[in-house]
Protein backbone atom coordinates (compact mmCIF):
# COMPACT_ATOMS: atom_id res chain seq x y z
CA MET A 1 146.75 113.48 84.27
CA ARG A 2 144.45 110.47 83.84
CA ARG A 3 143.78 111.45 80.21
CA LEU A 4 147.53 111.74 79.53
CA THR A 5 148.10 108.26 81.00
CA THR A 6 145.32 106.81 78.83
CA VAL A 7 146.76 108.43 75.69
CA ALA A 8 150.27 107.19 76.53
CA PHE A 9 148.98 103.65 77.10
CA ALA A 10 147.05 103.68 73.81
CA PHE A 11 150.14 104.92 71.94
CA ALA A 12 152.30 102.23 73.53
CA SER A 13 149.75 99.54 72.61
CA VAL A 14 149.63 100.65 68.97
CA THR A 15 153.43 100.86 68.79
CA LEU A 16 153.79 97.36 70.24
CA ALA A 17 151.17 95.93 67.88
CA THR A 18 152.94 97.53 64.91
CA ALA A 19 156.30 96.11 66.01
CA VAL A 20 154.88 92.61 66.39
CA SER A 21 153.16 92.76 63.00
CA ALA A 22 156.45 93.94 61.40
CA ALA A 23 158.33 90.98 62.87
CA THR A 24 158.87 87.87 60.79
CA GLN A 25 156.66 84.97 61.87
CA VAL A 26 158.25 81.51 62.02
CA GLN A 27 156.58 78.31 63.15
CA ARG A 28 157.79 77.13 66.54
CA THR A 29 158.08 73.57 65.18
CA ILE A 30 159.06 73.11 61.54
CA PRO A 31 158.28 70.00 59.49
CA PHE A 32 160.59 67.47 57.89
CA ASP A 33 160.20 67.10 54.13
CA ALA A 34 159.11 63.58 53.17
CA SER A 35 162.50 62.89 51.58
CA ALA A 36 164.62 64.54 54.31
CA GLY A 37 166.02 61.30 55.72
CA GLY A 38 167.64 61.20 59.13
CA GLY A 39 165.75 58.25 60.51
CA GLU A 40 163.00 58.12 63.09
CA LYS A 41 165.34 57.95 66.07
CA VAL A 42 167.10 61.20 65.07
CA ARG A 43 163.74 62.90 64.41
CA GLN A 44 162.40 61.93 67.84
CA GLU A 45 165.48 62.36 70.01
CA CYS A 46 167.36 65.32 68.49
CA GLN A 47 164.39 67.73 68.23
CA ILE A 48 166.03 69.75 65.45
CA GLN A 49 162.55 70.74 64.27
CA THR A 50 162.39 73.08 67.29
CA HIS A 51 166.11 73.90 67.58
CA VAL A 52 166.31 75.59 64.17
CA PRO A 53 163.47 78.11 64.82
CA GLU A 54 164.78 78.82 68.32
CA ALA A 55 168.31 79.41 67.00
CA LEU A 56 166.88 81.78 64.38
CA ARG A 57 164.88 83.69 67.01
CA GLU A 58 168.02 84.08 69.13
CA ALA A 59 170.11 85.28 66.17
CA ALA A 60 167.53 87.67 64.66
CA GLY A 61 165.89 90.30 66.79
CA ASP A 62 162.74 90.59 64.69
CA VAL A 63 161.57 86.96 64.58
CA VAL A 64 158.49 85.79 66.47
CA LEU A 65 157.82 82.09 66.97
CA VAL A 66 154.17 81.12 66.52
CA ASP A 67 152.17 77.92 66.64
CA LYS A 68 150.41 78.72 63.36
CA LEU A 69 151.40 81.17 60.61
CA ASP A 70 148.70 83.73 59.79
CA ASN A 71 150.02 84.87 56.36
CA LYS A 72 148.97 88.48 57.03
CA GLY A 73 152.37 90.08 57.48
CA ARG A 74 155.93 88.86 57.03
CA VAL A 75 156.07 85.06 57.18
CA LEU A 76 159.01 82.68 56.82
CA GLU A 77 158.05 79.10 56.02
CA LEU A 78 160.81 76.66 56.94
CA SER A 79 161.23 72.92 56.45
CA ILE A 80 164.03 70.48 57.11
CA SER A 81 164.93 69.25 53.66
CA GLU A 82 167.88 66.97 54.37
CA VAL A 83 169.43 65.17 57.33
CA HIS A 84 172.41 62.85 57.19
CA ALA A 85 173.10 61.66 60.70
CA PRO A 86 173.98 58.01 61.11
CA GLY A 87 174.27 56.93 64.73
CA GLY A 88 177.63 56.21 66.24
CA GLY A 89 178.88 59.69 67.04
CA ILE A 90 182.40 60.35 65.77
CA PHE A 91 182.75 56.81 64.48
CA SER A 92 180.04 57.16 61.80
CA GLY A 93 181.60 60.06 59.91
CA PRO A 94 180.33 63.51 58.98
CA LYS A 95 176.80 64.67 59.67
CA TRP A 96 174.83 67.41 57.96
CA MET A 97 171.45 68.96 57.63
CA ALA A 98 169.71 71.37 55.28
CA VAL A 99 166.75 73.70 55.75
CA SER A 100 164.70 75.28 52.97
CA GLY A 101 162.76 78.47 53.38
CA LYS A 102 160.37 80.82 51.61
CA LEU A 103 159.78 84.38 52.79
CA TYR A 104 156.38 85.98 52.19
CA GLU A 105 155.25 89.57 52.64
CA LYS A 106 151.45 89.74 52.71
CA SER A 107 151.20 86.37 50.89
CA LYS A 108 153.64 87.39 48.12
CA MET A 109 156.89 85.41 48.02
CA ILE A 110 159.83 87.81 48.24
CA GLY A 111 162.68 85.40 48.96
CA SER A 112 163.78 81.77 49.11
CA PHE A 113 166.85 79.86 50.23
CA ARG A 114 168.48 76.56 51.02
CA ALA A 115 170.79 76.54 54.06
CA LYS A 116 173.09 73.63 54.75
CA ARG A 117 175.65 72.95 57.46
CA LEU A 118 178.13 70.11 57.56
CA SER A 119 179.99 68.94 60.64
CA THR A 120 183.17 66.98 60.13
CA GLY A 121 184.49 67.73 63.60
CA ALA A 122 184.45 65.01 66.18
CA SER A 123 181.83 65.30 68.89
CA LEU A 124 182.09 63.01 71.83
CA ARG A 125 178.63 64.15 72.91
CA GLY A 126 176.95 62.37 70.01
CA THR A 127 174.78 62.81 66.97
CA CYS A 128 172.16 65.10 68.52
CA ALA A 129 174.80 67.50 69.85
CA THR A 130 176.33 67.68 66.38
CA LEU A 131 172.95 68.39 64.76
CA GLN A 132 172.20 71.04 67.38
CA ARG A 133 175.46 72.82 66.44
CA CYS A 134 174.37 72.64 62.79
CA SER A 135 170.96 74.06 63.80
CA ARG A 136 172.57 77.04 65.55
CA ALA A 137 174.76 77.78 62.53
CA ILE A 138 171.78 77.53 60.17
CA GLY A 139 169.77 79.86 62.43
CA GLN A 140 172.57 82.43 62.22
CA ASP A 141 172.81 82.00 58.42
CA ILE A 142 169.07 82.60 58.04
CA ALA A 143 169.18 85.64 60.36
CA GLN A 144 171.85 87.23 58.14
CA TRP A 145 169.86 86.41 55.00
CA LEU A 146 166.73 88.04 56.48
CA GLU A 147 168.61 91.36 56.53
CA HIS A 148 168.79 91.27 52.70
CA PRO A 149 166.62 88.41 51.40
CA GLY A 150 166.77 87.26 47.81
CA MET A 151 165.47 84.47 45.64
CA ASN A 152 167.17 81.06 45.44
CA ALA A 153 169.95 81.92 47.90
CA GLU A 154 172.38 79.26 49.08
CA LEU A 155 173.45 79.73 52.68
CA GLY A 156 176.25 78.23 54.74
CA ASP A 157 177.69 75.06 53.23
CA ALA A 158 175.05 74.98 50.49
CA ARG A 159 177.23 77.33 48.42
């Protein structure tokens, strides 16, 4: 019985390790491109650099958030490429953000995209709440794209 338990544990460990290595790695905190805009206050207060990866993890079952990408398996490099979010909530007009991504399989690029979401709806909760809604939508867009990735895709409002 002890031998059977040991074999079952070893099989479960290998199966779990294989599942984790098959998952797509995404950095827990993604960078802003140098030309992304958005202003320092938005970057500090809204925390969209962590909201986008978290929204993606929630929308896609096979995404693992990591502190550092290891480039050994399936890796999705993300960056915030554009933010338009003037302060003033509903009084400052529409807000939007864009995220760019490159998907690698064992260091070979197999897909790329630009995802953009625009919010023209009024939000009495403010700029950060609006950008968080955009982050969730972008996370869902990327999750769908991961099912059938391609090169130079335009997701969401980027089309």
